[in-house]
């Protein structure tokens, strides 16, 4: 390596060490969200360090064709130490501020989506449901009224014939009427009153 390449490699590795401190601090801040999940913790930890090792080696490859020497490792540690000594507390405050800003933006977007999309859709669905329910109830009442109107003469005739029948046949028809009444109440309860 030429002297200029070595100098560029040294500066780059110091910056890379500083970068490693920043991303490691950021990663540690977000580990609270999966703390207690052992498999996920180990998986993300391994993935994080493999990713960072790959990034650092790629940077090194771009600077000096991937030649690794002891002063390069020391330069990286030096950059990490600079972060720990001079920038850690400042970055932690900045990171917390950025998290609060992103949370506020997220809550704002959520409220806008809820106001402009979710609430109108809920209102439209509820209105449509109530209209359909009112129409079905109206149709049901009209059909019931028509049936009563049309079959009232038959009811009178049927009552007369019913009284002329033997008691055993009367009991049989009463059981059928009870079953019909029970089924009608169940249908009315679950179809028309379930979503009130």
N, C-alpha and C. Protein backbone atom coordinates (compact mmCIF):
# COMPACT_ATOMS: atom_id res chain seq x y z
N UNK A 1 0.84 -1.20 0.00
CA UNK A 1 0.00 0.00 0.00
C UNK A 1 0.87 1.25 0.00
N UNK A 2 0.43 2.25 -0.71
CA UNK A 2 1.12 3.53 -0.71
C UNK A 2 0.80 4.26 0.59
N UNK A 3 1.57 5.31 0.86
CA UNK A 3 1.39 6.09 2.08
C UNK A 3 0.02 6.75 2.11
N UNK A 4 -0.41 7.28 0.96
CA UNK A 4 -1.72 7.95 0.90
C UNK A 4 -2.85 6.94 1.14
N UNK A 5 -2.67 5.72 0.63
CA UNK A 5 -3.69 4.68 0.84
C UNK A 5 -3.74 4.29 2.31
N UNK A 6 -2.56 4.18 2.94
CA UNK A 6 -2.52 3.85 4.36
C UNK A 6 -3.17 4.94 5.20
N UNK A 7 -2.91 6.20 4.85
CA UNK A 7 -3.50 7.32 5.59
C UNK A 7 -5.02 7.32 5.42
N UNK A 8 -5.48 7.10 4.20
CA UNK A 8 -6.92 7.06 3.92
C UNK A 8 -7.57 5.89 4.66
N UNK A 9 -6.85 4.75 4.70
CA UNK A 9 -7.36 3.58 5.42
C UNK A 9 -7.48 3.88 6.91
N UNK A 10 -6.47 4.56 7.47
CA UNK A 10 -6.46 4.90 8.89
C UNK A 10 -7.66 5.80 9.24
N UNK A 11 -7.85 6.87 8.45
CA UNK A 11 -8.96 7.80 8.69
C UNK A 11 -10.30 7.08 8.54
N UNK A 12 -10.40 6.26 7.50
CA UNK A 12 -11.65 5.54 7.25
C UNK A 12 -11.99 4.59 8.39
N UNK A 13 -10.99 3.91 8.92
CA UNK A 13 -11.24 2.97 10.01
C UNK A 13 -11.59 3.69 11.31
N UNK A 14 -11.00 4.88 11.54
CA UNK A 14 -11.39 5.67 12.72
C UNK A 14 -12.86 6.07 12.62
N UNK A 15 -13.26 6.53 11.43
CA UNK A 15 -14.67 6.90 11.20
C UNK A 15 -15.57 5.67 11.32
N UNK A 16 -15.07 4.52 10.81
CA UNK A 16 -15.85 3.29 10.91
C UNK A 16 -16.03 2.85 12.35
N UNK A 17 -15.00 3.03 13.17
CA UNK A 17 -15.12 2.72 14.59
C UNK A 17 -16.14 3.61 15.27
N UNK A 18 -16.14 4.90 14.91
CA UNK A 18 -17.12 5.84 15.44
C UNK A 18 -18.54 5.40 15.01
N UNK A 19 -18.66 5.04 13.73
CA UNK A 19 -19.95 4.54 13.21
C UNK A 19 -20.41 3.30 13.96
N UNK A 20 -19.46 2.40 14.27
CA UNK A 20 -19.80 1.18 14.99
C UNK A 20 -20.37 1.51 16.37
N UNK A 21 -19.80 2.52 17.02
CA UNK A 21 -20.33 2.94 18.32
C UNK A 21 -21.75 3.47 18.21
N UNK A 22 -22.02 4.24 17.15
CA UNK A 22 -23.36 4.81 16.94
C UNK A 22 -24.40 3.72 16.71
N UNK A 23 -24.07 2.78 15.78
CA UNK A 23 -25.07 1.75 15.46
C UNK A 23 -25.24 0.77 16.61
N UNK A 24 -24.15 0.53 17.35
CA UNK A 24 -24.26 -0.36 18.49
C UNK A 24 -25.14 0.27 19.58
N UNK A 25 -25.01 1.57 19.79
CA UNK A 25 -25.85 2.28 20.76
C UNK A 25 -27.32 2.26 20.32
N UNK A 26 -27.53 2.46 19.04
CA UNK A 26 -28.90 2.43 18.50
C UNK A 26 -29.51 1.04 18.66
N UNK A 27 -28.73 0.02 18.35
CA UNK A 27 -29.22 -1.36 18.48
C UNK A 27 -29.56 -1.68 19.93
N UNK A 28 -28.70 -1.27 20.87
CA UNK A 28 -28.94 -1.52 22.29
C UNK A 28 -30.21 -0.81 22.77
N UNK A 29 -30.48 0.37 22.20
CA UNK A 29 -31.68 1.11 22.61
C UNK A 29 -32.96 0.36 22.24
N UNK A 30 -32.93 -0.35 21.11
CA UNK A 30 -34.14 -1.02 20.64
C UNK A 30 -34.25 -2.47 21.13
N UNK A 31 -33.24 -2.97 21.84
CA UNK A 31 -33.31 -4.35 22.34
C UNK A 31 -34.40 -4.52 23.40
N UNK A 32 -34.85 -3.42 24.01
CA UNK A 32 -35.90 -3.52 25.04
C UNK A 32 -37.21 -4.06 24.45
N UNK A 33 -37.40 -3.92 23.14
CA UNK A 33 -38.65 -4.34 22.52
C UNK A 33 -38.73 -5.85 22.30
N UNK A 34 -37.59 -6.53 22.31
CA UNK A 34 -37.65 -8.00 22.21
C UNK A 34 -36.93 -8.67 23.38
N UNK A 35 -36.72 -7.91 24.47
CA UNK A 35 -36.09 -8.47 25.66
C UNK A 35 -36.99 -9.55 26.25
N UNK A 36 -36.41 -10.67 26.63
CA UNK A 36 -37.19 -11.77 27.18
C UNK A 36 -37.49 -12.86 26.16
N UNK A 37 -37.33 -12.54 24.87
CA UNK A 37 -37.50 -13.56 23.82
C UNK A 37 -36.11 -14.07 23.45
N UNK A 38 -35.74 -15.17 24.04
CA UNK A 38 -34.36 -15.64 23.97
C UNK A 38 -33.90 -15.92 22.55
N UNK A 39 -34.69 -16.66 21.79
CA UNK A 39 -34.30 -17.01 20.43
C UNK A 39 -34.15 -15.77 19.56
N UNK A 40 -35.14 -14.86 19.65
CA UNK A 40 -35.11 -13.63 18.86
C UNK A 40 -33.91 -12.77 19.24
N UNK A 41 -33.60 -12.70 20.54
CA UNK A 41 -32.46 -11.91 21.01
C UNK A 41 -31.16 -12.41 20.41
N UNK A 42 -30.92 -13.73 20.50
CA UNK A 42 -29.69 -14.30 19.95
C UNK A 42 -29.63 -14.14 18.43
N UNK A 43 -30.77 -14.36 17.77
CA UNK A 43 -30.82 -14.24 16.31
C UNK A 43 -30.47 -12.82 15.86
N UNK A 44 -31.09 -11.82 16.48
CA UNK A 44 -30.84 -10.42 16.10
C UNK A 44 -29.42 -9.99 16.47
N UNK A 45 -28.93 -10.49 17.59
CA UNK A 45 -27.55 -10.15 18.01
C UNK A 45 -26.54 -10.67 16.98
N UNK A 46 -26.68 -11.93 16.60
CA UNK A 46 -25.77 -12.52 15.60
C UNK A 46 -25.91 -11.81 14.27
N UNK A 47 -27.15 -11.55 13.85
CA UNK A 47 -27.40 -10.87 12.58
C UNK A 47 -26.79 -9.47 12.58
N UNK A 48 -26.94 -8.75 13.71
CA UNK A 48 -26.39 -7.40 13.80
C UNK A 48 -24.88 -7.40 13.63
N UNK A 49 -24.19 -8.26 14.38
CA UNK A 49 -22.72 -8.24 14.33
C UNK A 49 -22.19 -8.78 13.00
N UNK A 50 -22.88 -9.74 12.40
CA UNK A 50 -22.47 -10.21 11.07
C UNK A 50 -22.64 -9.10 10.03
N UNK A 51 -23.73 -8.37 10.15
CA UNK A 51 -23.98 -7.26 9.21
C UNK A 51 -22.92 -6.18 9.36
N UNK A 52 -22.61 -5.82 10.60
CA UNK A 52 -21.61 -4.77 10.82
C UNK A 52 -20.22 -5.22 10.36
N UNK A 53 -19.89 -6.48 10.61
CA UNK A 53 -18.60 -7.00 10.14
C UNK A 53 -18.54 -6.95 8.61
N UNK A 54 -19.63 -7.31 7.96
CA UNK A 54 -19.68 -7.25 6.49
C UNK A 54 -19.53 -5.84 5.98
N UNK A 55 -20.21 -4.87 6.64
CA UNK A 55 -20.10 -3.46 6.22
C UNK A 55 -18.68 -2.96 6.38
N UNK A 56 -18.05 -3.24 7.54
CA UNK A 56 -16.68 -2.77 7.78
C UNK A 56 -15.69 -3.39 6.80
N UNK A 57 -15.86 -4.69 6.52
CA UNK A 57 -14.95 -5.32 5.57
C UNK A 57 -15.15 -4.75 4.17
N UNK A 58 -16.38 -4.45 3.79
CA UNK A 58 -16.66 -3.86 2.48
C UNK A 58 -16.00 -2.49 2.36
N UNK A 59 -16.11 -1.69 3.45
CA UNK A 59 -15.45 -0.37 3.45
C UNK A 59 -13.94 -0.54 3.29
N UNK A 60 -13.39 -1.49 4.06
CA UNK A 60 -11.95 -1.74 3.98
C UNK A 60 -11.55 -2.20 2.58
N UNK A 61 -12.38 -3.03 1.98
CA UNK A 61 -12.09 -3.50 0.62
C UNK A 61 -12.10 -2.35 -0.38
N UNK A 62 -13.02 -1.43 -0.22
CA UNK A 62 -13.10 -0.28 -1.13
C UNK A 62 -11.92 0.66 -0.96
N UNK A 63 -11.38 0.70 0.25
CA UNK A 63 -10.27 1.64 0.51
C UNK A 63 -8.93 1.04 0.12
N UNK A 64 -8.63 -0.19 0.56
CA UNK A 64 -7.29 -0.75 0.32
C UNK A 64 -7.32 -2.20 -0.18
N UNK A 65 -8.40 -2.59 -0.88
CA UNK A 65 -8.53 -3.93 -1.44
C UNK A 65 -8.61 -5.02 -0.37
N UNK A 66 -9.03 -4.67 0.85
CA UNK A 66 -9.28 -5.65 1.90
C UNK A 66 -8.06 -6.11 2.67
N UNK A 67 -6.97 -5.35 2.64
CA UNK A 67 -5.77 -5.73 3.42
C UNK A 67 -5.99 -5.37 4.89
N UNK A 68 -5.91 -6.39 5.75
CA UNK A 68 -6.16 -6.20 7.17
C UNK A 68 -4.84 -6.24 7.94
N UNK A 69 -4.53 -5.14 8.64
CA UNK A 69 -3.30 -5.06 9.45
C UNK A 69 -3.67 -4.61 10.85
N UNK A 70 -2.72 -4.75 11.75
CA UNK A 70 -3.00 -4.49 13.16
C UNK A 70 -3.38 -3.03 13.41
N UNK A 71 -2.73 -2.08 12.69
CA UNK A 71 -3.04 -0.68 12.92
C UNK A 71 -4.46 -0.34 12.45
N UNK A 72 -4.98 -1.13 11.50
CA UNK A 72 -6.36 -0.92 11.03
C UNK A 72 -7.35 -1.28 12.14
N UNK A 73 -7.10 -2.41 12.84
CA UNK A 73 -7.94 -2.81 13.97
C UNK A 73 -7.83 -1.77 15.09
N UNK A 74 -6.61 -1.30 15.36
CA UNK A 74 -6.40 -0.28 16.41
C UNK A 74 -7.10 1.03 16.06
N UNK A 75 -7.07 1.40 14.76
CA UNK A 75 -7.74 2.62 14.32
C UNK A 75 -9.25 2.51 14.52
N UNK A 76 -9.79 1.33 14.23
CA UNK A 76 -11.23 1.10 14.43
C UNK A 76 -11.59 1.18 15.91
N UNK A 77 -10.77 0.58 16.76
CA UNK A 77 -10.99 0.68 18.21
C UNK A 77 -10.84 2.11 18.70
N UNK A 78 -9.92 2.86 18.11
CA UNK A 78 -9.72 4.25 18.47
C UNK A 78 -10.97 5.08 18.14
N UNK A 79 -11.53 4.85 16.95
CA UNK A 79 -12.76 5.55 16.57
C UNK A 79 -13.92 5.20 17.50
N UNK A 80 -14.01 3.91 17.90
CA UNK A 80 -15.04 3.48 18.84
C UNK A 80 -14.84 4.15 20.19
N UNK A 81 -13.57 4.27 20.63
CA UNK A 81 -13.25 4.93 21.91
C UNK A 81 -13.60 6.41 21.87
N UNK A 82 -13.35 7.06 20.73
CA UNK A 82 -13.72 8.48 20.59
C UNK A 82 -15.22 8.66 20.78
N UNK A 83 -15.99 7.74 20.17
CA UNK A 83 -17.45 7.83 20.33
C UNK A 83 -17.83 7.66 21.80
N UNK A 84 -17.26 6.64 22.46
CA UNK A 84 -17.61 6.35 23.86
C UNK A 84 -17.25 7.52 24.77
N UNK A 85 -16.10 8.16 24.51
CA UNK A 85 -15.62 9.21 25.40
C UNK A 85 -16.27 10.57 25.13
N UNK A 86 -16.52 10.90 23.85
CA UNK A 86 -16.92 12.26 23.51
C UNK A 86 -18.37 12.41 23.03
N UNK A 87 -18.90 11.38 22.39
CA UNK A 87 -20.18 11.58 21.72
C UNK A 87 -21.32 10.71 22.25
N UNK A 88 -21.03 9.79 23.14
CA UNK A 88 -22.05 8.84 23.57
C UNK A 88 -23.27 9.52 24.19
N UNK A 89 -23.04 10.36 25.19
CA UNK A 89 -24.15 11.00 25.90
C UNK A 89 -24.96 11.91 24.98
N UNK A 90 -24.24 12.66 24.13
CA UNK A 90 -24.91 13.55 23.19
C UNK A 90 -25.77 12.76 22.20
N UNK A 91 -25.22 11.65 21.69
CA UNK A 91 -25.96 10.85 20.73
C UNK A 91 -27.18 10.19 21.38
N UNK A 92 -27.04 9.74 22.64
CA UNK A 92 -28.17 9.13 23.33
C UNK A 92 -29.33 10.12 23.47
N UNK A 93 -29.00 11.37 23.79
CA UNK A 93 -30.05 12.40 23.88
C UNK A 93 -30.67 12.66 22.51
N UNK A 94 -29.81 12.73 21.49
CA UNK A 94 -30.31 12.94 20.13
C UNK A 94 -31.19 11.78 19.68
N UNK A 95 -30.78 10.56 20.02
CA UNK A 95 -31.55 9.38 19.64
C UNK A 95 -32.92 9.37 20.31
N UNK A 96 -32.96 9.71 21.61
CA UNK A 96 -34.24 9.76 22.31
C UNK A 96 -35.14 10.84 21.71
N UNK A 97 -34.55 11.97 21.35
CA UNK A 97 -35.33 13.04 20.73
C UNK A 97 -35.89 12.57 19.38
N UNK A 98 -35.07 11.90 18.59
CA UNK A 98 -35.53 11.39 17.29
C UNK A 98 -36.64 10.36 17.45
N UNK A 99 -36.54 9.50 18.46
CA UNK A 99 -37.58 8.50 18.72
C UNK A 99 -38.89 9.19 19.08
N UNK A 100 -38.80 10.24 19.94
CA UNK A 100 -40.02 10.98 20.30
C UNK A 100 -40.64 11.64 19.08
N UNK A 101 -39.79 12.21 18.20
CA UNK A 101 -40.30 12.86 16.98
C UNK A 101 -40.99 11.84 16.09
N UNK A 102 -40.36 10.68 15.88
CA UNK A 102 -40.95 9.64 15.02
C UNK A 102 -42.24 9.09 15.62
N UNK A 103 -42.29 8.97 16.96
CA UNK A 103 -43.53 8.52 17.61
C UNK A 103 -44.65 9.54 17.40
N UNK A 104 -44.29 10.83 17.54
CA UNK A 104 -45.30 11.88 17.33
C UNK A 104 -45.80 11.89 15.89
N UNK A 105 -44.85 11.73 14.94
CA UNK A 105 -45.25 11.66 13.51
C UNK A 105 -46.14 10.46 13.27
N UNK A 106 -45.78 9.32 13.84
CA UNK A 106 -46.58 8.10 13.67
C UNK A 106 -47.99 8.28 14.23
N UNK A 107 -48.06 8.86 15.45
CA UNK A 107 -49.38 9.08 16.05
C UNK A 107 -50.20 10.06 15.22
N UNK A 108 -49.53 11.09 14.68
CA UNK A 108 -50.23 12.05 13.83
C UNK A 108 -50.77 11.41 12.56
N UNK A 109 -49.94 10.59 11.92
CA UNK A 109 -50.38 9.89 10.69
C UNK A 109 -51.52 8.93 11.02
N UNK A 110 -51.41 8.24 12.16
CA UNK A 110 -52.46 7.31 12.57
C UNK A 110 -53.79 8.03 12.78
N UNK A 111 -53.73 9.22 13.42
CA UNK A 111 -54.95 9.99 13.65
C UNK A 111 -55.54 10.49 12.35
N UNK A 112 -54.66 10.94 11.42
CA UNK A 112 -55.15 11.43 10.12
C UNK A 112 -55.82 10.30 9.35
N UNK A 113 -55.17 9.11 9.32
CA UNK A 113 -55.75 7.97 8.62
C UNK A 113 -57.08 7.56 9.25
N UNK A 114 -57.11 7.58 10.59
CA UNK A 114 -58.34 7.22 11.29
C UNK A 114 -59.45 8.23 10.98
N UNK A 115 -59.08 9.52 10.94
CA UNK A 115 -60.08 10.57 10.71
C UNK A 115 -60.56 10.58 9.27
N UNK A 116 -59.62 10.41 8.32
CA UNK A 116 -59.98 10.52 6.90
C UNK A 116 -60.44 9.22 6.26
N UNK A 117 -60.05 8.08 6.82
CA UNK A 117 -60.34 6.81 6.16
C UNK A 117 -61.15 5.86 7.04
N UNK A 118 -60.63 5.54 8.23
CA UNK A 118 -61.26 4.50 9.06
C UNK A 118 -62.63 4.94 9.56
N UNK A 119 -62.70 6.14 10.16
CA UNK A 119 -63.99 6.61 10.71
C UNK A 119 -65.06 6.76 9.64
N UNK A 120 -64.77 7.39 8.46
CA UNK A 120 -65.80 7.45 7.42
C UNK A 120 -66.26 6.07 6.94
N UNK A 121 -65.30 5.14 6.79
CA UNK A 121 -65.68 3.78 6.36
C UNK A 121 -66.56 3.10 7.40
N UNK A 122 -66.23 3.28 8.68
CA UNK A 122 -67.06 2.71 9.74
C UNK A 122 -68.46 3.31 9.71
N UNK A 123 -68.52 4.65 9.52
CA UNK A 123 -69.81 5.33 9.47
C UNK A 123 -70.64 4.84 8.28
N UNK A 124 -69.98 4.71 7.11
CA UNK A 124 -70.68 4.24 5.91
C UNK A 124 -71.18 2.81 6.12
N UNK A 125 -70.33 1.95 6.67
CA UNK A 125 -70.72 0.56 6.91
C UNK A 125 -71.89 0.48 7.88
N UNK A 126 -71.80 1.27 8.98
CA UNK A 126 -72.86 1.25 9.99
C UNK A 126 -74.17 1.77 9.41
N UNK A 127 -74.09 2.85 8.63
CA UNK A 127 -75.29 3.41 8.00
C UNK A 127 -75.90 2.41 7.03
N UNK A 128 -75.04 1.78 6.21
CA UNK A 128 -75.52 0.79 5.25
C UNK A 128 -76.16 -0.39 5.97
N UNK A 129 -75.53 -0.85 7.04
CA UNK A 129 -76.06 -1.96 7.82
C UNK A 129 -77.43 -1.62 8.41
N UNK A 130 -77.56 -0.39 8.96
CA UNK A 130 -78.84 0.01 9.55
C UNK A 130 -79.93 0.15 8.49
N UNK A 131 -79.54 0.64 7.29
CA UNK A 131 -80.51 0.74 6.20
C UNK A 131 -81.01 -0.65 5.79
N UNK A 132 -80.06 -1.57 5.59
CA UNK A 132 -80.44 -2.93 5.21
C UNK A 132 -81.32 -3.57 6.28
N UNK A 133 -80.93 -3.36 7.54
CA UNK A 133 -81.71 -3.92 8.64
C UNK A 133 -83.12 -3.34 8.68
N UNK A 134 -83.23 -2.00 8.46
CA UNK A 134 -84.55 -1.36 8.45
C UNK A 134 -85.40 -1.88 7.29
N UNK A 135 -84.77 -2.05 6.11
CA UNK A 135 -85.49 -2.57 4.95
C UNK A 135 -85.97 -3.99 5.22
N UNK A 136 -85.09 -4.83 5.76
CA UNK A 136 -85.48 -6.22 6.05
C UNK A 136 -86.59 -6.29 7.09
N UNK A 137 -86.48 -5.43 8.11
CA UNK A 137 -87.54 -5.40 9.13
C UNK A 137 -88.85 -4.95 8.52
N UNK A 138 -88.78 -3.92 7.63
CA UNK A 138 -90.00 -3.44 6.98
C UNK A 138 -90.62 -4.51 6.11
N UNK A 139 -89.78 -5.18 5.31
CA UNK A 139 -90.27 -6.26 4.44
C UNK A 139 -90.87 -7.38 5.28
N UNK A 140 -90.18 -7.72 6.37
CA UNK A 140 -90.66 -8.78 7.26
C UNK A 140 -92.02 -8.42 7.85
N UNK A 141 -92.18 -7.16 8.27
CA UNK A 141 -93.46 -6.73 8.84
C UNK A 141 -94.57 -6.71 7.80
N UNK A 142 -94.23 -6.24 6.57
CA UNK A 142 -95.23 -6.22 5.49
C UNK A 142 -95.69 -7.63 5.15
N UNK A 143 -94.71 -8.55 5.02
CA UNK A 143 -95.05 -9.95 4.71
C UNK A 143 -95.90 -10.55 5.84
N UNK A 144 -95.51 -10.24 7.08
CA UNK A 144 -96.28 -10.75 8.23
C UNK A 144 -97.71 -10.21 8.20
N UNK A 145 -97.83 -8.91 7.92
CA UNK A 145 -99.16 -8.29 7.88
C UNK A 145 -100.00 -8.89 6.74
N UNK A 146 -99.39 -9.07 5.56
CA UNK A 146 -100.10 -9.66 4.43
C UNK A 146 -100.54 -11.10 4.73
N UNK A 147 -99.63 -11.82 5.35
CA UNK A 147 -99.96 -13.21 5.70
C UNK A 147 -101.14 -13.25 6.69
N UNK A 148 -101.09 -12.34 7.68
CA UNK A 148 -102.19 -12.29 8.64
C UNK A 148 -103.50 -11.91 7.95
N UNK A 149 -103.39 -10.93 7.04
CA UNK A 149 -104.58 -10.46 6.33
C UNK A 149 -105.17 -11.55 5.44
N UNK A 150 -104.27 -12.25 4.70
CA UNK A 150 -104.74 -13.26 3.76
C UNK A 150 -105.21 -14.54 4.43
N UNK A 151 -104.55 -14.87 5.53
CA UNK A 151 -104.85 -16.16 6.15
C UNK A 151 -105.80 -16.07 7.34
N UNK A 152 -106.27 -14.86 7.66
CA UNK A 152 -107.21 -14.74 8.78
C UNK A 152 -108.48 -15.57 8.57
N UNK A 153 -109.08 -15.53 7.36
CA UNK A 153 -110.27 -16.40 7.16
C UNK A 153 -109.94 -17.88 7.34
N UNK A 154 -108.76 -18.27 6.87
CA UNK A 154 -108.36 -19.67 7.02
C UNK A 154 -108.13 -20.03 8.49
N UNK A 155 -107.63 -19.01 9.25
CA UNK A 155 -107.43 -19.23 10.70
C UNK A 155 -108.77 -19.50 11.37
N UNK A 156 -109.74 -18.70 11.00
CA UNK A 156 -111.07 -18.89 11.61
C UNK A 156 -111.62 -20.28 11.29
N UNK A 157 -111.47 -20.65 9.99
CA UNK A 157 -111.95 -21.98 9.58
C UNK A 157 -111.16 -23.06 10.31
N UNK A 158 -109.81 -22.84 10.38
CA UNK A 158 -108.95 -23.82 11.04
C UNK A 158 -109.29 -23.98 12.51
N UNK A 159 -109.60 -22.85 13.19
CA UNK A 159 -109.97 -22.94 14.61
C UNK A 159 -111.25 -23.73 14.79
N UNK A 160 -112.17 -23.50 13.84
CA UNK A 160 -113.43 -24.26 13.93
C UNK A 160 -113.20 -25.74 13.74
N UNK A 161 -112.39 -26.09 12.73
CA UNK A 161 -112.09 -27.50 12.49
C UNK A 161 -111.27 -28.12 13.63
N UNK A 162 -110.37 -27.26 14.21
CA UNK A 162 -109.51 -27.73 15.31
C UNK A 162 -110.36 -28.16 16.50
N UNK A 163 -111.40 -27.40 16.78
CA UNK A 163 -112.25 -27.72 17.93
C UNK A 163 -113.07 -29.00 17.70
N UNK A 164 -113.26 -29.31 16.41
CA UNK A 164 -114.02 -30.53 16.10
C UNK A 164 -113.16 -31.79 16.15
N UNK A 165 -111.81 -31.61 16.13
CA UNK A 165 -110.88 -32.76 16.12
C UNK A 165 -110.80 -33.41 17.49
N UNK A 166 -110.39 -34.69 17.53
CA UNK A 166 -110.17 -35.37 18.83
C UNK A 166 -109.01 -34.71 19.60
N UNK A 167 -108.96 -34.95 20.91
CA UNK A 167 -107.97 -34.31 21.78
C UNK A 167 -106.54 -34.67 21.41
N UNK A 168 -106.27 -35.90 20.98
CA UNK A 168 -104.91 -36.32 20.62
C UNK A 168 -104.39 -35.54 19.42
N UNK A 169 -105.26 -35.32 18.44
CA UNK A 169 -104.85 -34.54 17.25
C UNK A 169 -104.65 -33.07 17.63
N UNK A 170 -105.49 -32.58 18.53
CA UNK A 170 -105.31 -31.20 19.00
C UNK A 170 -103.95 -31.02 19.68
N UNK A 171 -103.57 -32.00 20.52
CA UNK A 171 -102.26 -31.93 21.20
C UNK A 171 -101.11 -31.95 20.20
N UNK A 172 -101.23 -32.76 19.15
CA UNK A 172 -100.19 -32.83 18.10
C UNK A 172 -100.01 -31.47 17.42
N UNK A 173 -101.13 -30.83 17.06
CA UNK A 173 -101.04 -29.52 16.41
C UNK A 173 -100.51 -28.43 17.35
N UNK A 174 -100.83 -28.55 18.62
CA UNK A 174 -100.31 -27.58 19.61
C UNK A 174 -98.79 -27.70 19.74
N UNK A 175 -98.26 -28.91 19.69
CA UNK A 175 -96.80 -29.10 19.73
C UNK A 175 -96.12 -28.48 18.52
N UNK A 176 -96.72 -28.66 17.34
CA UNK A 176 -96.16 -28.05 16.12
C UNK A 176 -96.18 -26.54 16.23
N UNK A 177 -97.27 -25.98 16.76
CA UNK A 177 -97.37 -24.52 16.92
C UNK A 177 -96.32 -23.99 17.90
N UNK A 178 -96.06 -24.75 18.96
CA UNK A 178 -95.04 -24.33 19.94
C UNK A 178 -93.65 -24.34 19.33
N UNK A 179 -93.37 -25.36 18.53
CA UNK A 179 -92.07 -25.44 17.87
C UNK A 179 -91.90 -24.28 16.90
N UNK A 180 -92.92 -23.96 16.14
CA UNK A 180 -92.87 -22.83 15.19
C UNK A 180 -92.62 -21.52 15.92
N UNK A 181 -93.33 -21.32 17.05
CA UNK A 181 -93.16 -20.09 17.81
C UNK A 181 -91.74 -19.95 18.35
N UNK A 182 -91.18 -21.07 18.83
CA UNK A 182 -89.80 -21.07 19.35
C UNK A 182 -88.80 -20.72 18.25
N UNK A 183 -88.95 -21.33 17.08
CA UNK A 183 -88.04 -21.06 15.95
C UNK A 183 -88.15 -19.61 15.50
N UNK A 184 -89.36 -19.06 15.47
CA UNK A 184 -89.55 -17.67 15.08
C UNK A 184 -88.84 -16.73 16.05
N UNK A 185 -88.91 -17.01 17.35
CA UNK A 185 -88.24 -16.18 18.36
C UNK A 185 -86.72 -16.24 18.22
N UNK A 186 -86.19 -17.44 17.93
CA UNK A 186 -84.74 -17.60 17.75
C UNK A 186 -84.26 -16.81 16.54
N UNK A 187 -84.98 -16.93 15.42
CA UNK A 187 -84.60 -16.21 14.20
C UNK A 187 -84.65 -14.70 14.45
N UNK A 188 -85.68 -14.23 15.09
CA UNK A 188 -85.82 -12.80 15.36
C UNK A 188 -84.68 -12.30 16.26
N UNK A 189 -84.32 -13.11 17.26
CA UNK A 189 -83.28 -12.72 18.20
C UNK A 189 -81.92 -12.61 17.55
N UNK A 190 -81.54 -13.61 16.73
CA UNK A 190 -80.19 -13.66 16.17
C UNK A 190 -80.05 -12.87 14.89
N UNK A 191 -81.12 -12.72 14.14
CA UNK A 191 -81.01 -11.99 12.87
C UNK A 191 -81.22 -10.51 13.05
N UNK A 192 -82.18 -10.14 13.89
CA UNK A 192 -82.57 -8.73 13.97
C UNK A 192 -82.08 -8.01 15.22
N UNK A 193 -81.72 -8.76 16.27
CA UNK A 193 -81.33 -8.08 17.51
C UNK A 193 -79.88 -8.29 17.88
N UNK A 194 -79.15 -9.11 17.14
CA UNK A 194 -77.76 -9.45 17.53
C UNK A 194 -76.85 -8.25 17.47
N UNK A 195 -77.01 -7.38 16.47
CA UNK A 195 -76.09 -6.26 16.24
C UNK A 195 -76.70 -4.92 16.64
N UNK A 196 -77.69 -4.94 17.49
CA UNK A 196 -78.26 -3.66 17.96
C UNK A 196 -77.24 -2.91 18.80
